[in-house]
PDB file of N, CA and C in Angstrom:
ATOM      1  N   UNK A   1      14.698  24.280   8.002  1.00  0.00           N
ATOM      2  CA  UNK A   1      15.193  22.528   7.859  1.00  0.00           C
ATOM      3  C   UNK A   1      14.775  22.539   5.839  1.00  0.00           C
ATOM      4  N   UNK A   2      15.346  21.657   5.467  1.00  0.00           N
ATOM      5  CA  UNK A   2      15.111  21.382   4.391  1.00  0.00           C
ATOM      6  C   UNK A   2      14.698  19.909   4.034  1.00  0.00           C
ATOM      7  N   UNK A   3      13.332  19.094   3.237  1.00  0.00           N
ATOM      8  CA  UNK A   3      13.320  18.535   3.333  1.00  0.00           C
ATOM      9  C   UNK A   3      13.786  17.837   1.812  1.00  0.00           C
ATOM     10  N   UNK A   4      14.227  16.494   1.886  1.00  0.00           N
ATOM     11  CA  UNK A   4      14.803  15.955   0.447  1.00  0.00           C
ATOM     12  C   UNK A   4      13.556  15.327  -0.292  1.00  0.00           C
ATOM     13  N   UNK A   5      13.797  15.991  -1.430  1.00  0.00           N
ATOM     14  CA  UNK A   5      12.600  15.670  -2.425  1.00  0.00           C
ATOM     15  C   UNK A   5      12.647  14.458  -2.891  1.00  0.00           C
ATOM     16  N   UNK A   6      11.841  13.329  -3.224  1.00  0.00           N
ATOM     17  CA  UNK A   6      11.627  12.368  -3.603  1.00  0.00           C
ATOM     18  C   UNK A   6      11.985  12.828  -5.390  1.00  0.00           C
ATOM     19  N   UNK A   7      12.697  11.393  -5.911  1.00  0.00           N
ATOM     20  CA  UNK A   7      13.340  11.988  -6.976  1.00  0.00           C
ATOM     21  C   UNK A   7      12.856  10.223  -7.718  1.00  0.00           C
ATOM     22  N   UNK A   8      13.017  10.420  -9.789  1.00  0.00           N
ATOM     23  CA  UNK A   8      12.642   9.754 -10.043  1.00  0.00           C
ATOM     24  C   UNK A   8      11.168   8.867 -10.327  1.00  0.00           C
ATOM     25  N   UNK A   9      10.301   9.702 -10.130  1.00  0.00           N
ATOM     26  CA  UNK A   9       8.838   8.570  -9.671  1.00  0.00           C
ATOM     27  C   UNK A   9       8.420   7.743 -11.503  1.00  0.00           C
ATOM     28  N   UNK A  10       8.695   6.367 -11.099  1.00  0.00           N
ATOM     29  CA  UNK A  10       8.367   5.786 -11.823  1.00  0.00           C
ATOM     30  C   UNK A  10       6.956   5.323 -12.075  1.00  0.00           C
ATOM     31  N   UNK A  11       6.289   5.055 -13.185  1.00  0.00           N
ATOM     32  CA  UNK A  11       4.932   4.488 -13.068  1.00  0.00           C
ATOM     33  C   UNK A  11       5.206   2.657 -12.539  1.00  0.00           C
ATOM     34  N   UNK A  12       4.554   2.254 -12.200  1.00  0.00           N
ATOM     35  CA  UNK A  12       4.619   0.949 -11.728  1.00  0.00           C
ATOM     36  C   UNK A  12       3.315   0.346 -11.648  1.00  0.00           C
ATOM     37  N   UNK A  13       3.563  -1.349 -11.560  1.00  0.00           N
ATOM     38  CA  UNK A  13       1.694  -1.906 -11.018  1.00  0.00           C
ATOM     39  C   UNK A  13       1.813  -2.699  -9.765  1.00  0.00           C
ATOM     40  N   UNK A  14       1.304  -2.482  -8.774  1.00  0.00           N
ATOM     41  CA  UNK A  14       1.286  -2.624  -7.215  1.00  0.00           C
ATOM     42  C   UNK A  14       1.717  -4.648  -7.136  1.00  0.00           C
ATOM     43  N   UNK A  15       1.479  -4.836  -6.817  1.00  0.00           N
ATOM     44  CA  UNK A  15       1.432  -6.409  -6.419  1.00  0.00           C
ATOM     45  C   UNK A  15       0.322  -6.753  -5.569  1.00  0.00           C
ATOM     46  N   UNK A  16      -0.975  -8.069  -5.938  1.00  0.00           N
ATOM     47  CA  UNK A  16      -1.701  -7.665  -4.786  1.00  0.00           C
ATOM     48  C   UNK A  16      -1.087  -8.647  -3.326  1.00  0.00           C
ATOM     49  N   UNK A  17      -1.139  -8.521  -2.427  1.00  0.00           N
ATOM     50  CA  UNK A  17      -0.139  -9.111  -1.184  1.00  0.00           C
ATOM     51  C   UNK A  17       0.582  -8.438  -0.589  1.00  0.00           C
ATOM     52  N   UNK A  18       1.111  -8.002  -1.876  1.00  0.00           N
ATOM     53  CA  UNK A  18       2.333  -6.658  -1.169  1.00  0.00           C
ATOM     54  C   UNK A  18       1.785  -5.670  -0.249  1.00  0.00           C
ATOM     55  N   UNK A  19       2.871  -4.978   0.482  1.00  0.00           N
ATOM     56  CA  UNK A  19       2.258  -3.965   1.518  1.00  0.00           C
ATOM     57  C   UNK A  19       3.409  -2.621   1.168  1.00  0.00           C
ATOM     58  N   UNK A  20       2.934  -1.351   0.950  1.00  0.00           N
ATOM     59  CA  UNK A  20       4.003  -0.315   0.427  1.00  0.00           C
ATOM     60  C   UNK A  20       3.825   0.809   1.017  1.00  0.00           C
ATOM     61  N   UNK A  21       4.995   1.790   1.500  1.00  0.00           N
ATOM     62  CA  UNK A  21       5.117   2.866   2.418  1.00  0.00           C
ATOM     63  C   UNK A  21       4.807   3.733   1.596  1.00  0.00           C
ATOM     64  N   UNK A  22       3.382   4.440   1.983  1.00  0.00           N
ATOM     65  CA  UNK A  22       3.022   5.911   1.042  1.00  0.00           C
ATOM     66  C   UNK A  22       3.776   6.824   1.069  1.00  0.00           C
ATOM     67  N   UNK A  23       4.405   7.745   0.110  1.00  0.00           N
ATOM     68  CA  UNK A  23       5.138   8.899   0.080  1.00  0.00           C
ATOM     69  C   UNK A  23       4.812   9.694   1.492  1.00  0.00           C
ATOM     70  N   UNK A  24       3.419  10.147   1.353  1.00  0.00           N
ATOM     71  CA  UNK A  24       2.590  11.150   2.185  1.00  0.00           C
ATOM     72  C   UNK A  24       2.429  10.540   3.822  1.00  0.00           C
ATOM     73  N   UNK A  25       3.101   8.997   4.108  1.00  0.00           N
ATOM     74  CA  UNK A  25       2.697   8.753   4.992  1.00  0.00           C
ATOM     75  C   UNK A  25       1.992   6.833   4.939  1.00  0.00           C
ATOM     76  N   UNK A  26       2.147   6.627   5.791  1.00  0.00           N
ATOM     77  CA  UNK A  26       1.289   5.351   5.944  1.00  0.00           C
ATOM     78  C   UNK A  26       1.532   4.421   4.954  1.00  0.00           C
ATOM     79  N   UNK A  27       1.023   2.889   5.529  1.00  0.00           N
ATOM     80  CA  UNK A  27       1.460   1.634   4.571  1.00  0.00           C
ATOM     81  C   UNK A  27       0.518   1.158   4.197  1.00  0.00           C
ATOM     82  N   UNK A  28       0.118   1.097   3.227  1.00  0.00           N
ATOM     83  CA  UNK A  28      -0.586   0.586   2.336  1.00  0.00           C
ATOM     84  C   UNK A  28      -0.422  -0.799   1.517  1.00  0.00           C
ATOM     85  N   UNK A  29      -1.531  -1.870   2.089  1.00  0.00           N
ATOM     86  CA  UNK A  29      -2.014  -3.533   1.550  1.00  0.00           C
ATOM     87  C   UNK A  29      -2.882  -2.711   0.167  1.00  0.00           C
ATOM     88  N   UNK A  30      -1.628  -3.942  -1.383  1.00  0.00           N
ATOM     89  CA  UNK A  30      -2.680  -3.682  -2.345  1.00  0.00           C
ATOM     90  C   UNK A  30      -3.354  -5.252  -2.174  1.00  0.00           C
ATOM     91  N   UNK A  31      -4.683  -5.337  -2.429  1.00  0.00           N
ATOM     92  CA  UNK A  31      -5.367  -6.357  -2.648  1.00  0.00           C
ATOM     93  C   UNK A  31      -5.842  -6.636  -4.013  1.00  0.00           C
ATOM     94  N   UNK A  32      -5.677  -5.877  -4.943  1.00  0.00           N
ATOM     95  CA  UNK A  32      -6.184  -5.868  -6.118  1.00  0.00           C
ATOM     96  C   UNK A  32      -5.696  -4.859  -7.076  1.00  0.00           C
ATOM     97  N   UNK A  33      -4.935  -5.362  -8.057  1.00  0.00           N
ATOM     98  CA  UNK A  33      -4.154  -4.031  -8.879  1.00  0.00           C
ATOM     99  C   UNK A  33      -4.690  -4.852 -10.824  1.00  0.00           C
ATOM    100  N   UNK A  34      -4.746  -3.566 -11.401  1.00  0.00           N
ATOM    101  CA  UNK A  34      -5.312  -3.188 -12.824  1.00  0.00           C
ATOM    102  C   UNK A  34      -4.437  -2.001 -13.358  1.00  0.00           C
ATOM    103  N   UNK A  35      -4.046  -2.290 -14.355  1.00  0.00           N
ATOM    104  CA  UNK A  35      -3.693  -0.784 -15.394  1.00  0.00           C
ATOM    105  C   UNK A  35      -3.147   0.342 -14.695  1.00  0.00           C
ATOM    106  N   UNK A  36      -2.333   0.211 -13.585  1.00  0.00           N
ATOM    107  CA  UNK A  36      -1.883   1.097 -12.769  1.00  0.00           C
ATOM    108  C   UNK A  36      -2.933   1.781 -12.156  1.00  0.00           C
ATOM    109  N   UNK A  37      -3.822   1.092 -11.423  1.00  0.00           N
ATOM    110  CA  UNK A  37      -4.624   1.339 -10.731  1.00  0.00           C
ATOM    111  C   UNK A  37      -4.380  -0.055  -9.684  1.00  0.00           C
ATOM    112  N   UNK A  38      -4.968   0.249  -8.053  1.00  0.00           N
ATOM    113  CA  UNK A  38      -5.017  -0.958  -7.299  1.00  0.00           C
ATOM    114  C   UNK A  38      -6.102  -0.068  -6.151  1.00  0.00           C
ATOM    115  N   UNK A  39      -6.624  -1.604  -5.431  1.00  0.00           N
ATOM    116  CA  UNK A  39      -7.610  -1.102  -4.440  1.00  0.00           C
ATOM    117  C   UNK A  39      -6.310  -1.513  -2.797  1.00  0.00           C
ATOM    118  N   UNK A  40      -6.245  -0.538  -2.194  1.00  0.00           N
ATOM    119  CA  UNK A  40      -5.021  -0.164  -1.359  1.00  0.00           C
ATOM    120  C   UNK A  40      -5.884   0.042  -0.180  1.00  0.00           C
ATOM    121  N   UNK A  41      -5.366  -0.871   1.015  1.00  0.00           N
ATOM    122  CA  UNK A  41      -6.256  -0.825   1.956  1.00  0.00           C
ATOM    123  C   UNK A  41      -5.090  -0.008   3.429  1.00  0.00           C
ATOM    124  N   UNK A  42      -5.281   0.814   4.146  1.00  0.00           N
ATOM    125  CA  UNK A  42      -4.573   1.713   5.104  1.00  0.00           C
ATOM    126  C   UNK A  42      -4.352   0.410   6.220  1.00  0.00           C
ATOM    127  N   UNK A  43      -3.339  -0.019   6.630  1.00  0.00           N
ATOM    128  CA  UNK A  43      -3.224  -1.768   7.500  1.00  0.00           C
ATOM    129  C   UNK A  43      -3.333  -0.875   8.454  1.00  0.00           C
ATOM    130  N   UNK A  44      -3.569   0.613   8.704  1.00  0.00           N
ATOM    131  CA  UNK A  44      -3.598   0.720  10.526  1.00  0.00           C
ATOM    132  C   UNK A  44      -5.063   1.625  10.917  1.00  0.00           C
ATOM    133  N   UNK A  45      -5.505   1.838   9.930  1.00  0.00           N
ATOM    134  CA  UNK A  45      -6.782   2.519  10.143  1.00  0.00           C
ATOM    135  C   UNK A  45      -8.095   1.770   9.106  1.00  0.00           C
ATOM    136  N   UNK A  46      -7.366   1.108   8.284  1.00  0.00           N
ATOM    137  CA  UNK A  46      -8.214   0.384   7.262  1.00  0.00           C
ATOM    138  C   UNK A  46      -9.357   0.971   6.253  1.00  0.00           C
ATOM    139  N   UNK A  47      -8.788   2.196   6.089  1.00  0.00           N
ATOM    140  CA  UNK A  47      -9.453   3.129   5.083  1.00  0.00           C
ATOM    141  C   UNK A  47      -9.185   2.717   3.663  1.00  0.00           C
ATOM    142  N   UNK A  48      -9.774   1.966   2.727  1.00  0.00           N
ATOM    143  CA  UNK A  48      -9.810   1.301   1.347  1.00  0.00           C
ATOM    144  C   UNK A  48     -10.251   2.478   0.326  1.00  0.00           C
ATOM    145  N   UNK A  49      -9.508   2.080  -0.297  1.00  0.00           N
ATOM    146  CA  UNK A  49      -9.955   2.991  -1.884  1.00  0.00           C
ATOM    147  C   UNK A  49      -8.861   2.289  -2.747  1.00  0.00           C
ATOM    148  N   UNK A  50      -9.437   2.871  -4.047  1.00  0.00           N
ATOM    149  CA  UNK A  50      -9.164   2.836  -5.536  1.00  0.00           C
ATOM    150  C   UNK A  50      -8.015   3.908  -5.653  1.00  0.00           C
ATOM    151  N   UNK A  51      -6.753   3.511  -5.494  1.00  0.00           N
ATOM    152  CA  UNK A  51      -5.837   4.340  -6.709  1.00  0.00           C
ATOM    153  C   UNK A  51      -5.464   4.362  -7.628  1.00  0.00           C
ATOM    154  N   UNK A  52      -5.401   5.508  -8.314  1.00  0.00           N
ATOM    155  CA  UNK A  52      -5.159   5.791 -10.209  1.00  0.00           C
ATOM    156  C   UNK A  52      -4.227   6.361  -9.995  1.00  0.00           C
ATOM    157  N   UNK A  53      -3.069   5.399 -10.988  1.00  0.00           N
ATOM    158  CA  UNK A  53      -1.699   6.738 -11.578  1.00  0.00           C
ATOM    159  C   UNK A  53      -0.751   6.356 -10.560  1.00  0.00           C
ATOM    160  N   UNK A  54      -0.729   4.853 -10.466  1.00  0.00           N
ATOM    161  CA  UNK A  54       0.345   4.787  -8.990  1.00  0.00           C
ATOM    162  C   UNK A  54       1.770   5.308  -9.481  1.00  0.00           C
ATOM    163  N   UNK A  55       2.930   5.663  -8.693  1.00  0.00           N
ATOM    164  CA  UNK A  55       4.049   5.533  -9.034  1.00  0.00           C
ATOM    165  C   UNK A  55       4.974   5.281  -7.761  1.00  0.00           C
ATOM    166  N   UNK A  56       6.157   5.056  -8.048  1.00  0.00           N
ATOM    167  CA  UNK A  56       6.885   4.240  -7.016  1.00  0.00           C
ATOM    168  C   UNK A  56       8.248   5.501  -7.601  1.00  0.00           C
ATOM    169  N   UNK A  57       8.757   5.916  -6.104  1.00  0.00           N
ATOM    170  CA  UNK A  57      10.218   6.492  -6.335  1.00  0.00           C
ATOM    171  C   UNK A  57      11.474   5.668  -5.907  1.00  0.00           C
ATOM    172  N   UNK A  58      12.773   6.446  -5.974  1.00  0.00           N
ATOM    173  CA  UNK A  58      14.066   5.811  -6.025  1.00  0.00           C
ATOM    174  C   UNK A  58      14.290   5.018  -4.330  1.00  0.00           C
ATOM    175  N   UNK A  59      13.703   5.815  -3.363  1.00  0.00           N
ATOM    176  CA  UNK A  59      13.645   4.667  -2.139  1.00  0.00           C
ATOM    177  C   UNK A  59      12.510   4.085  -1.861  1.00  0.00           C
ATOM    178  N   UNK A  60      11.505   3.845  -3.169  1.00  0.00           N
ATOM    179  CA  UNK A  60      10.889   2.504  -2.806  1.00  0.00           C
ATOM    180  C   UNK A  60       9.391   2.996  -1.985  1.00  0.00           C
ATOM    181  N   UNK A  61       9.014   4.513  -1.871  1.00  0.00           N
ATOM    182  CA  UNK A  61       7.551   4.949  -1.344  1.00  0.00           C
ATOM    183  C   UNK A  61       7.004   4.954  -2.593  1.00  0.00           C
ATOM    184  N   UNK A  62       5.956   5.027  -2.356  1.00  0.00           N
ATOM    185  CA  UNK A  62       4.690   5.292  -3.792  1.00  0.00           C
ATOM    186  C   UNK A  62       4.006   6.075  -3.318  1.00  0.00           C
ATOM    187  N   UNK A  63       3.158   6.663  -4.714  1.00  0.00           N
ATOM    188  CA  UNK A  63       1.865   7.334  -4.682  1.00  0.00           C
ATOM    189  C   UNK A  63       1.274   7.248  -5.409  1.00  0.00           C
ATOM    190  N   UNK A  64      -0.071   8.246  -5.558  1.00  0.00           N
ATOM    191  CA  UNK A  64      -1.044   7.850  -6.472  1.00  0.00           C
ATOM    192  C   UNK A  64      -1.430   9.347  -7.130  1.00  0.00           C
ATOM    193  N   UNK A  65      -1.922   9.509  -8.395  1.00  0.00           N
ATOM    194  CA  UNK A  65      -2.358  10.780  -8.529  1.00  0.00           C
ATOM    195  C   UNK A  65      -3.630  10.899  -8.111  1.00  0.00           C
ATOM    196  N   UNK A  66      -4.431  10.441  -7.911  1.00  0.00           N
ATOM    197  CA  UNK A  66      -6.277  10.247  -7.408  1.00  0.00           C
ATOM    198  C   UNK A  66      -6.211   8.832  -6.982  1.00  0.00           C
ATOM    199  N   UNK A  67      -7.277   9.385  -5.998  1.00  0.00           N
ATOM    200  CA  UNK A  67      -8.437   8.160  -5.204  1.00  0.00           C
ATOM    201  C   UNK A  67      -9.890   8.176  -5.554  1.00  0.00           C
ATOM    202  N   UNK A  68     -10.321   6.939  -5.886  1.00  0.00           N
ATOM    203  CA  UNK A  68     -12.289   7.242  -5.726  1.00  0.00           C
ATOM    204  C   UNK A  68     -12.747   6.126  -4.946  1.00  0.00           C
ATOM    205  N   UNK A  69     -13.269   6.298  -4.525  1.00  0.00           N
ATOM    206  CA  UNK A  69     -14.261   5.100  -3.570  1.00  0.00           C
ATOM    207  C   UNK A  69     -13.683   4.738  -2.373  1.00  0.00           C
ATOM    208  N   UNK A  70     -13.398   5.979  -1.676  1.00  0.00           N
ATOM    209  CA  UNK A  70     -12.876   5.248  -0.290  1.00  0.00           C
ATOM    210  C   UNK A  70     -13.468   5.343   0.909  1.00  0.00           C
ATOM    211  N   UNK A  71     -13.219   4.512   1.748  1.00  0.00           N
ATOM    212  CA  UNK A  71     -14.072   4.564   2.605  1.00  0.00           C
ATOM    213  C   UNK A  71     -13.620   3.226   3.917  1.00  0.00           C
ATOM    214  N   UNK A  72     -13.760   3.250   5.449  1.00  0.00           N
ATOM    215  CA  UNK A  72     -13.029   2.612   6.243  1.00  0.00           C
ATOM    216  C   UNK A  72     -13.942   1.411   6.383  1.00  0.00           C
ATOM    217  N   UNK A  73     -12.684   0.314   6.496  1.00  0.00           N
ATOM    218  CA  UNK A  73     -13.319  -1.014   6.688  1.00  0.00           C
ATOM    219  C   UNK A  73     -12.635  -2.153   7.617  1.00  0.00           C
ATOM    220  N   UNK A  74     -13.241  -2.072   8.491  1.00  0.00           N
ATOM    221  CA  UNK A  74     -11.761  -3.098   9.620  1.00  0.00           C
ATOM    222  C   UNK A  74     -11.655  -4.695   9.016  1.00  0.00           C
ATOM    223  N   UNK A  75     -12.358  -4.724   8.473  1.00  0.00           N
ATOM    224  CA  UNK A  75     -12.323  -6.673   8.039  1.00  0.00           C
ATOM    225  C   UNK A  75     -10.765  -6.734   7.382  1.00  0.00           C
ATOM    226  N   UNK A  76     -10.596  -5.719   6.252  1.00  0.00           N
ATOM    227  CA  UNK A  76      -9.606  -5.913   5.497  1.00  0.00           C
ATOM    228  C   UNK A  76      -8.279  -5.348   6.294  1.00  0.00           C
ATOM    229  N   UNK A  77      -8.339  -4.788   7.141  1.00  0.00           N
ATOM    230  CA  UNK A  77      -6.990  -4.586   8.235  1.00  0.00           C
ATOM    231  C   UNK A  77      -7.227  -5.719   9.035  1.00  0.00           C
ATOM    232  N   UNK A  78      -8.049  -6.433   9.483  1.00  0.00           N
ATOM    233  CA  UNK A  78      -8.255  -7.753  10.166  1.00  0.00           C
ATOM    234  C   UNK A  78      -7.570  -9.113   9.498  1.00  0.00           C
ATOM    235  N   UNK A  79      -7.401  -9.090   8.165  1.00  0.00           N
ATOM    236  CA  UNK A  79      -7.420 -10.095   7.689  1.00  0.00           C
ATOM    237  C   UNK A  79      -6.109  -9.823   7.546  1.00  0.00           C
ATOM    238  N   UNK A  80      -5.541  -8.778   7.136  1.00  0.00           N
ATOM    239  CA  UNK A  80      -4.113  -8.243   6.900  1.00  0.00           C
ATOM    240  C   UNK A  80      -3.037  -8.675   7.931  1.00  0.00           C
ATOM    241  N   UNK A  81      -3.597  -8.428   9.151  1.00  0.00           N
ATOM    242  CA  UNK A  81      -3.117  -8.370  10.617  1.00  0.00           C
ATOM    243  C   UNK A  81      -2.885  -9.984  10.540  1.00  0.00           C
ATOM    244  N   UNK A  82      -4.210 -10.727  10.314  1.00  0.00           N
ATOM    245  CA  UNK A  82      -3.779 -12.128  10.428  1.00  0.00           C
ATOM    246  C   UNK A  82      -2.753 -12.631   9.559  1.00  0.00           C
ATOM    247  N   UNK A  83      -2.832 -12.650   8.141  1.00  0.00           N
ATOM    248  CA  UNK A  83      -1.663 -12.593   7.316  1.00  0.00           C
ATOM    249  C   UNK A  83      -0.414 -12.547   8.351  1.00  0.00           C
ATOM    250  N   UNK A  84      -0.677 -11.595   8.637  1.00  0.00           N
ATOM    251  CA  UNK A  84       1.201 -10.914   9.383  1.00  0.00           C
ATOM    252  C   UNK A  84       1.464 -11.468  10.113  1.00  0.00           C
ATOM    253  N   UNK A  85       0.733 -12.346  11.493  1.00  0.00           N
ATOM    254  CA  UNK A  85       0.789 -13.081  12.118  1.00  0.00           C
ATOM    255  C   UNK A  85       1.131 -14.350  11.618  1.00  0.00           C
ATOM    256  N   UNK A  86       0.687 -14.986  10.827  1.00  0.00           N
ATOM    257  CA  UNK A  86       0.295 -15.986  10.292  1.00  0.00           C
ATOM    258  C   UNK A  86       1.902 -16.371   9.832  1.00  0.00           C
ATOM    259  N   UNK A  87       2.396 -15.261   8.828  1.00  0.00           N
ATOM    260  CA  UNK A  87       3.863 -15.469   8.184  1.00  0.00           C
ATOM    261  C   UNK A  87       5.215 -15.487   9.515  1.00  0.00           C
ATOM    262  N   UNK A  88       4.661 -14.599  10.365  1.00  0.00           N
ATOM    263  CA  UNK A  88       5.846 -15.017  11.025  1.00  0.00           C
ATOM    264  C   UNK A  88       5.930 -16.067  12.009  1.00  0.00           C
ATOM    265  N   UNK A  89       4.807 -16.397  12.036  1.00  0.00           N
ATOM    266  CA  UNK A  89       4.896 -17.774  12.590  1.00  0.00           C
ATOM    267  C   UNK A  89       5.618 -18.954  12.199  1.00  0.00           C
ATOM    268  N   UNK A  90       5.038 -19.034  10.850  1.00  0.00           N
ATOM    269  CA  UNK A  90       5.809 -19.759   9.915  1.00  0.00           C
ATOM    270  C   UNK A  90       7.459 -19.566   9.567  1.00  0.00           C
ATOM    271  N   UNK A  91       7.439 -18.292   9.577  1.00  0.00           N
ATOM    272  CA  UNK A  91       9.173 -17.990   9.659  1.00  0.00           C
ATOM    273  C   UNK A  91       9.777 -18.385  10.930  1.00  0.00           C
ATOM    274  N   UNK A  92       9.238 -18.626  11.711  1.00  0.00           N
ATOM    275  CA  UNK A  92      10.004 -18.518  13.302  1.00  0.00           C
ATOM    276  C   UNK A  92       9.670 -20.301  13.444  1.00  0.00           C
ATOM    277  N   UNK A  93       9.021 -21.197  12.729  1.00  0.00           N
ATOM    278  CA  UNK A  93       9.177 -22.751  12.556  1.00  0.00           C
ATOM    279  C   UNK A  93      10.105 -23.355  11.933  1.00  0.00           C
ATOM    280  N   UNK A  94      10.356 -22.386  10.554  1.00  0.00           N
ATOM    281  CA  UNK A  94      11.730 -22.800  10.134  1.00  0.00           C
ATOM    282  C   UNK A  94      12.732 -23.262  10.347  1.00  0.00           C
TER     283      UNK A  94
END
């Protein structure tokens, strides 16, 4: 079985508040961003790290060169889920 290789990685600035799909798996919420680095939180596990050297592929997935300062946090995951539920409720109310 052959896997399709992701193509044309482009450096980019992540947008705080946006959620991105990682090319290696997982969805990450950006909570802060600067100079092609960002604070990213895995929305399922709560793993929070600083991602350095962000790239985005043609398919929209992202990766980074390396990360630092990783740890698990339930608070950030909870905040993201609360924001997602509030957004869904607001969309339905319109």
